[in-house]
Protein backbone atom coordinates (compact mmCIF):
# COMPACT_ATOMS: atom_id res chain seq x y z
CA MET A 1 -15.03 182.67 -5.77
CA ALA A 2 -17.75 181.09 -3.59
CA GLU A 3 -15.22 180.93 -0.76
CA GLN A 4 -14.86 184.74 -0.58
CA ARG A 5 -14.86 186.19 2.90
CA ARG A 6 -17.26 188.90 3.94
CA PRO A 7 -15.59 192.33 4.21
CA THR A 8 -14.84 193.53 7.73
CA ASP A 9 -16.80 196.40 9.28
CA ASP A 10 -13.71 198.61 8.95
CA GLU A 11 -13.40 197.82 5.23
CA VAL A 12 -17.08 198.55 4.65
CA ASP A 13 -16.85 201.79 6.64
CA SER A 14 -13.76 202.88 4.72
CA VAL A 15 -15.47 202.35 1.34
CA ALA A 16 -18.69 203.98 2.60
CA SER A 17 -16.65 206.97 3.72
CA LYS A 18 -15.05 207.27 0.28
CA ILE A 19 -18.43 206.99 -1.48
CA TRP A 20 -19.89 209.62 0.89
CA GLN A 21 -16.98 211.98 0.36
CA ASP A 22 -17.09 211.60 -3.43
CA SER A 23 -20.82 212.27 -3.55
CA HIS A 24 -22.65 214.04 -0.74
CA GLY A 25 -19.71 215.08 1.39
CA SER A 26 -18.03 217.03 -1.37
CA MET A 27 -21.24 219.03 -1.91
CA THR A 28 -22.22 219.57 1.72
CA GLY A 29 -18.85 219.52 3.44
CA GLN A 30 -20.22 217.02 5.97
CA ASP A 31 -17.69 214.43 7.11
CA TRP A 32 -18.69 210.75 7.03
CA ARG A 33 -18.06 210.51 10.80
CA ASP A 34 -20.80 213.10 11.31
CA VAL A 35 -23.46 211.09 9.46
CA ALA A 36 -25.77 209.60 12.09
CA LYS A 37 -25.51 205.83 12.29
CA GLY A 38 -28.85 204.27 11.45
CA SER A 39 -29.95 207.24 9.34
CA ASP A 40 -31.17 206.71 5.78
CA ALA A 41 -27.99 208.30 4.42
CA HIS A 42 -25.79 206.04 6.56
CA ARG A 43 -27.67 202.88 5.49
CA GLN A 44 -27.51 203.90 1.83
CA MET A 45 -23.75 204.41 1.96
CA ILE A 46 -23.17 201.13 3.83
CA ASN A 47 -25.30 199.27 1.27
CA ALA A 48 -23.43 200.95 -1.59
CA ALA A 49 -20.11 200.00 0.01
CA LEU A 50 -21.22 196.39 0.43
CA MET A 51 -22.22 196.24 -3.21
CA ALA A 52 -18.94 197.86 -4.27
CA LEU A 53 -17.09 195.20 -2.29
CA GLY A 54 -19.13 192.47 -3.95
CA ALA A 55 -21.09 191.59 -0.81
CA ALA A 56 -24.88 191.67 -0.68
CA PRO A 57 -26.36 193.97 1.93
CA SER A 58 -27.17 191.96 5.03
CA ALA A 59 -30.61 190.64 5.85
CA ARG A 60 -30.53 192.96 8.86
CA MET A 61 -30.32 195.99 6.57
CA SER A 62 -33.18 194.65 4.46
CA THR A 63 -35.23 194.04 7.60
CA LEU A 64 -34.60 197.58 8.80
CA SER A 65 -35.65 199.02 5.45
CA SER A 66 -38.78 196.88 5.14
CA GLY A 67 -39.72 197.64 8.75
CA LYS A 68 -39.40 201.35 8.07
CA GLN A 69 -41.53 200.99 4.97
CA ARG A 70 -44.21 199.12 6.92
CA ARG A 71 -44.25 201.88 9.58
CA GLU A 72 -44.57 204.55 6.87
CA GLU A 73 -47.44 202.65 5.23
CA SER A 74 -49.19 202.28 8.61
CA CYS A 75 -48.81 205.99 9.31
CA SER A 76 -50.18 206.84 5.86
CA ARG A 77 -53.25 204.68 6.50
CA ILE A 78 -53.81 206.22 9.92
CA PHE A 79 -53.60 209.77 8.58
CA SER A 80 -55.82 209.03 5.57
CA VAL A 81 -58.48 207.54 7.88
CA ALA A 82 -58.23 210.53 10.23
CA SER A 83 -58.75 213.03 7.40
């Protein structure tokens, strides 16, 4: 089990597409190919696909999320000081 290979990008994208279609896409009619890469929705589906495939989301994804959170916290502090 420890020797498992990491899923390919195509495998992850295929599962992410299925998750998107079964959840958001069926309600909105938006196709997975139309979801902007790098958007919150895209990252969430990729992370869900990785988990479904038994692979942990990459450190890069975690870094992107924590970086976004830090930017949001900085903006909150700036606006609260300016008020």
